[in-house]
Every structure is written in structure tokens, then in C-alpha cells.
């Protein structure tokens, strides 16, 4: 029996997408777990979104065993296209189809103090309203003590600056560890 975890993200310049890919690798490091990389529709058709992954469907979300959700920091909050997606999930909320599913959040910002923690916290709110069990990254992960750029107990992060850069080894390790933890939890819950 395969445990499927949706890795849902919005990315404008690629940094959030890069974290999503490493979370997916962590998920797929757990036997019989599969990551579904998905993105959301753009609100402004003229926007230059970076992604390339399929648009998530409500059925994929409902049928998933867990969720990792990521967004770049937009004024200390999640990006509008991701918020717009959640604003359309009322029917899923009413049916309770996400209740007790594990979830985590991740983000990227262009500056170190650009609002990573407030963005992570804002992304948790719709997940709590859907009854999901939101988990962070525990301090048992040694990279959380060592990182000089991205990574919080609230979830994986990166500081991309104003140009594309490669994730640090600590950021990669934290993203993969969080994905592995999410998949392990989803798998255990599915087996019970």
C-alpha cells in the first residue's frame, strides 16, 4: 500500500520549488511513500511563475495521506495564488476530508529577516481549520543548530537573496529530514 504525500507549493523565482523538491526526496526515502509535486494556478495570467509541476486538484488533496505546503514570503504572508487556492476549499472543509492528516509548511525569502516565520505561521492557519496535524522540524535535527541562512523549527526555509542561489547543505538536510518525518508519520497513520 503506497502512502501518497502532496508537496504543494507556489514559486515565483525557484527557491520555494527547490525546497519542495528536497522535501519530496525526503518523502520518497521512506519505503512505500510517494511524493506528488504540485503547484497552484496563477491569479494573474501575465505573471511569470516558476514551477513546471502539474496544478493540484481537489481530489488529489482529498485522497492524499499528508501535505507539505510551501510559499515564498509575500509581505510576511503566503503568496496570493496559494491563499486563493485555500479560499476555494470550503467543500473539503465541510466534508472534513483533511481531518487528522499530517502536514508541514516551508518558505523562502529574499532577505534574512523578510518574514519567514510569520509566513510559515500564516500557512498553518488554513491547515488547522481543516483539522490537519501540523508538524515542524525538531531540534533533534543537528542542522537546525548549525544553519546560518535558512531553517526554523516551524519548517524548512531558505534565504534566496535577489538572485537564484543553490540551497546550503543545512537547508537541504532540513528539507529532506522534514519530508522524511512527514512521510513516516503519514505512513504510520495510514497503517492504523
Protein backbone atom coordinates (compact mmCIF):
# COMPACT_ATOMS: atom_id res chain seq x y z
CA UNK A 1 0.00 0.00 0.00
CA UNK A 2 1.52 3.30 -1.15
CA UNK A 3 1.39 6.36 1.08
CA UNK A 4 0.96 9.49 -1.05
CA UNK A 5 2.00 12.89 0.22
CA UNK A 6 1.21 16.02 -1.77
CA UNK A 7 4.02 18.60 -1.88
CA UNK A 8 2.03 21.70 -2.80
CA UNK A 9 3.92 24.91 -3.50
CA UNK A 10 3.86 28.22 -5.27
CA UNK A 11 7.18 29.58 -6.56
CA UNK A 12 7.90 32.73 -8.49
CA UNK A 13 11.71 32.52 -8.87
CA UNK A 14 12.55 28.91 -7.98
CA UNK A 15 13.72 28.93 -4.36
CA UNK A 16 10.45 27.56 -2.94
CA UNK A 17 10.34 24.98 -5.73
CA UNK A 18 13.87 23.87 -4.80
CA UNK A 19 12.85 23.25 -1.18
CA UNK A 20 9.77 21.36 -2.42
CA UNK A 21 11.99 19.04 -4.46
CA UNK A 22 14.15 18.22 -1.41
CA UNK A 23 11.10 17.62 0.77
CA UNK A 24 9.87 15.23 -1.94
CA UNK A 25 13.21 13.40 -1.83
CA UNK A 26 12.82 13.03 1.93
CA UNK A 27 9.30 11.67 1.48
CA UNK A 28 10.45 9.15 -1.11
CA UNK A 29 13.32 7.99 1.12
CA UNK A 30 10.66 6.23 3.20
CA UNK A 31 9.73 2.83 1.74
CA UNK A 32 6.32 2.73 0.04
CA UNK A 33 5.92 6.51 0.17
CA UNK A 34 5.41 8.68 -2.89
CA UNK A 35 5.56 12.46 -3.24
CA UNK A 36 3.22 14.24 -5.63
CA UNK A 37 4.79 17.59 -6.57
CA UNK A 38 2.01 20.04 -7.33
CA UNK A 39 1.55 23.78 -7.73
CA UNK A 40 -1.43 26.15 -7.88
CA UNK A 41 -2.89 28.28 -10.63
CA UNK A 42 -1.62 31.79 -11.16
CA UNK A 43 -4.14 34.55 -10.40
CA UNK A 44 -2.60 36.99 -12.87
CA UNK A 45 -2.18 35.24 -16.22
CA UNK A 46 0.64 37.65 -17.13
CA UNK A 47 2.72 36.62 -14.10
CA UNK A 48 5.92 34.69 -14.66
CA UNK A 49 5.51 31.71 -12.32
CA UNK A 50 8.33 29.24 -11.88
CA UNK A 51 7.23 25.67 -11.40
CA UNK A 52 6.55 23.28 -14.20
CA UNK A 53 4.74 20.80 -11.97
CA UNK A 54 1.06 19.96 -12.51
CA UNK A 55 -1.69 22.06 -10.93
CA UNK A 56 -3.10 20.34 -7.83
CA UNK A 57 -6.64 19.01 -7.99
CA UNK A 58 -9.05 18.95 -5.07
CA UNK A 59 -9.29 15.16 -5.47
CA UNK A 60 -5.51 14.77 -5.10
CA UNK A 61 -5.64 16.82 -1.92
CA UNK A 62 -8.57 14.82 -0.51
CA UNK A 63 -7.01 11.46 -1.40
CA UNK A 64 -3.54 12.31 -0.09
CA UNK A 65 -2.21 10.86 3.14
CA UNK A 66 -0.31 14.04 4.06
CA UNK A 67 0.63 17.50 2.84
CA UNK A 68 3.74 19.68 2.66
CA UNK A 69 2.87 23.25 1.65
CA UNK A 70 5.27 25.99 0.59
CA UNK A 71 5.19 29.60 -0.50
CA UNK A 72 7.62 32.45 -0.91
CA UNK A 73 7.28 35.25 1.61
CA UNK A 74 4.92 37.94 0.31
CA UNK A 75 4.81 40.80 2.79
CA UNK A 76 5.09 38.37 5.71
CA UNK A 77 2.34 36.14 4.39
CA UNK A 78 1.79 33.33 1.90
CA UNK A 79 1.59 34.26 -1.78
CA UNK A 80 -1.84 35.25 -3.09
CA UNK A 81 -2.20 32.30 -5.54
CA UNK A 82 -1.74 29.81 -2.68
CA UNK A 83 -4.15 31.72 -0.42
CA UNK A 84 -6.64 31.86 -3.31
CA UNK A 85 -6.42 28.07 -3.63
CA UNK A 86 -7.23 27.56 0.06
CA UNK A 87 -10.08 30.06 -0.15
CA UNK A 88 -11.75 27.65 -2.61
CA UNK A 89 -11.59 24.59 -0.30
CA UNK A 90 -14.80 25.21 1.65
CA UNK A 91 -16.41 21.99 0.37
CA UNK A 92 -13.41 19.98 1.58
CA UNK A 93 -13.57 21.77 4.93
CA UNK A 94 -17.30 20.99 5.30
CA UNK A 95 -16.74 17.31 4.46
CA UNK A 96 -13.80 17.05 6.87
CA UNK A 97 -11.69 15.11 4.40
CA UNK A 98 -8.37 16.55 5.63
CA UNK A 99 -9.00 15.99 9.33
CA UNK A 100 -6.15 14.16 11.11
CA UNK A 101 -3.82 14.19 8.12
CA UNK A 102 -0.25 15.28 8.93
CA UNK A 103 1.11 18.43 7.31
CA UNK A 104 4.14 20.73 7.31
CA UNK A 105 4.98 24.11 5.78
CA UNK A 106 8.06 25.68 4.15
CA UNK A 107 9.06 29.04 2.69
CA UNK A 108 11.74 31.19 1.08
CA UNK A 109 12.50 34.89 1.35
CA UNK A 110 14.85 37.30 -0.36
CA UNK A 111 16.25 38.62 2.94
CA UNK A 112 17.10 37.01 6.26
CA UNK A 113 14.51 38.99 8.20
CA UNK A 114 11.95 39.12 5.40
CA UNK A 115 9.11 37.41 7.27
CA UNK A 116 9.83 33.69 7.12
CA UNK A 117 8.32 32.80 10.49
CA UNK A 118 5.17 34.88 10.01
CA UNK A 119 4.70 33.29 6.58
CA UNK A 120 5.09 29.79 7.99
CA UNK A 121 2.62 30.59 10.75
CA UNK A 122 0.12 32.10 8.28
CA UNK A 123 0.28 28.97 6.13
CA UNK A 124 -0.56 26.83 9.16
CA UNK A 125 -3.88 28.61 9.77
CA UNK A 126 -5.95 27.05 6.96
CA UNK A 127 -4.42 23.66 7.79
CA UNK A 128 -5.56 23.97 11.40
CA UNK A 129 -9.03 24.96 10.23
CA UNK A 130 -9.11 21.82 8.08
CA UNK A 131 -8.23 19.74 11.14
CA UNK A 132 -4.79 18.74 9.91
CA UNK A 133 -1.98 17.88 12.34
CA UNK A 134 0.77 20.39 11.60
CA UNK A 135 4.32 19.38 12.45
CA UNK A 136 7.56 21.30 12.43
CA UNK A 137 11.23 20.42 12.32
CA UNK A 138 12.52 19.29 15.73
CA UNK A 139 15.79 20.45 17.23
CA UNK A 140 16.93 16.82 17.18
CA UNK A 141 17.99 17.67 13.61
CA UNK A 142 21.59 18.87 14.09
CA UNK A 143 21.45 21.22 11.09
CA UNK A 144 18.85 23.32 12.88
CA UNK A 145 21.60 24.31 15.32
CA UNK A 146 24.15 24.98 12.56
CA UNK A 147 22.30 26.82 9.81
CA UNK A 148 23.39 30.36 9.00
CA UNK A 149 20.72 31.06 6.40
CA UNK A 150 17.51 29.05 6.35
CA UNK A 151 15.77 26.57 8.60
CA UNK A 152 13.39 27.01 11.53
CA UNK A 153 11.55 24.74 13.95
CA UNK A 154 8.37 25.88 12.14
CA UNK A 155 9.55 24.32 8.87
CA UNK A 156 12.27 24.38 6.21
CA UNK A 157 13.28 27.76 4.79
CA UNK A 158 15.89 29.41 2.61
CA UNK A 159 17.12 32.94 2.02
CA UNK A 160 17.45 33.33 -1.72
CA UNK A 161 18.58 36.92 -1.95
CA UNK A 162 17.61 38.81 -5.06
CA UNK A 163 19.09 36.19 -7.33
CA UNK A 164 18.84 32.43 -7.70
CA UNK A 165 21.25 30.57 -5.45
CA UNK A 166 21.83 26.98 -4.52
CA UNK A 167 20.42 25.75 -1.20
CA UNK A 168 23.01 25.20 1.53
CA UNK A 169 23.76 21.69 2.76
CA UNK A 170 21.95 22.52 6.02
CA UNK A 171 18.84 23.73 4.16
CA UNK A 172 18.82 20.57 2.04
CA UNK A 173 19.26 18.32 5.07
CA UNK A 174 16.45 20.05 6.96
CA UNK A 175 14.07 19.87 3.98
CA UNK A 176 14.78 16.18 3.44
CA UNK A 177 14.50 15.37 7.16
CA UNK A 178 11.16 17.18 7.36
CA UNK A 179 9.88 15.30 4.30
CA UNK A 180 11.01 12.00 5.80
CA UNK A 181 9.34 12.81 9.13
CA UNK A 182 6.11 13.79 7.37
CA UNK A 183 6.06 10.61 5.26
CA UNK A 184 6.89 8.38 8.22
CA UNK A 185 4.02 9.91 10.20
CA UNK A 186 1.58 9.68 7.26
CA UNK A 187 2.53 6.05 6.68
CA UNK A 188 2.05 5.11 10.34
CA UNK A 189 -1.32 6.84 10.42
CA UNK A 190 -2.45 5.09 7.25
CA UNK A 191 -1.49 1.70 8.69
CA UNK A 192 -3.61 2.16 11.82
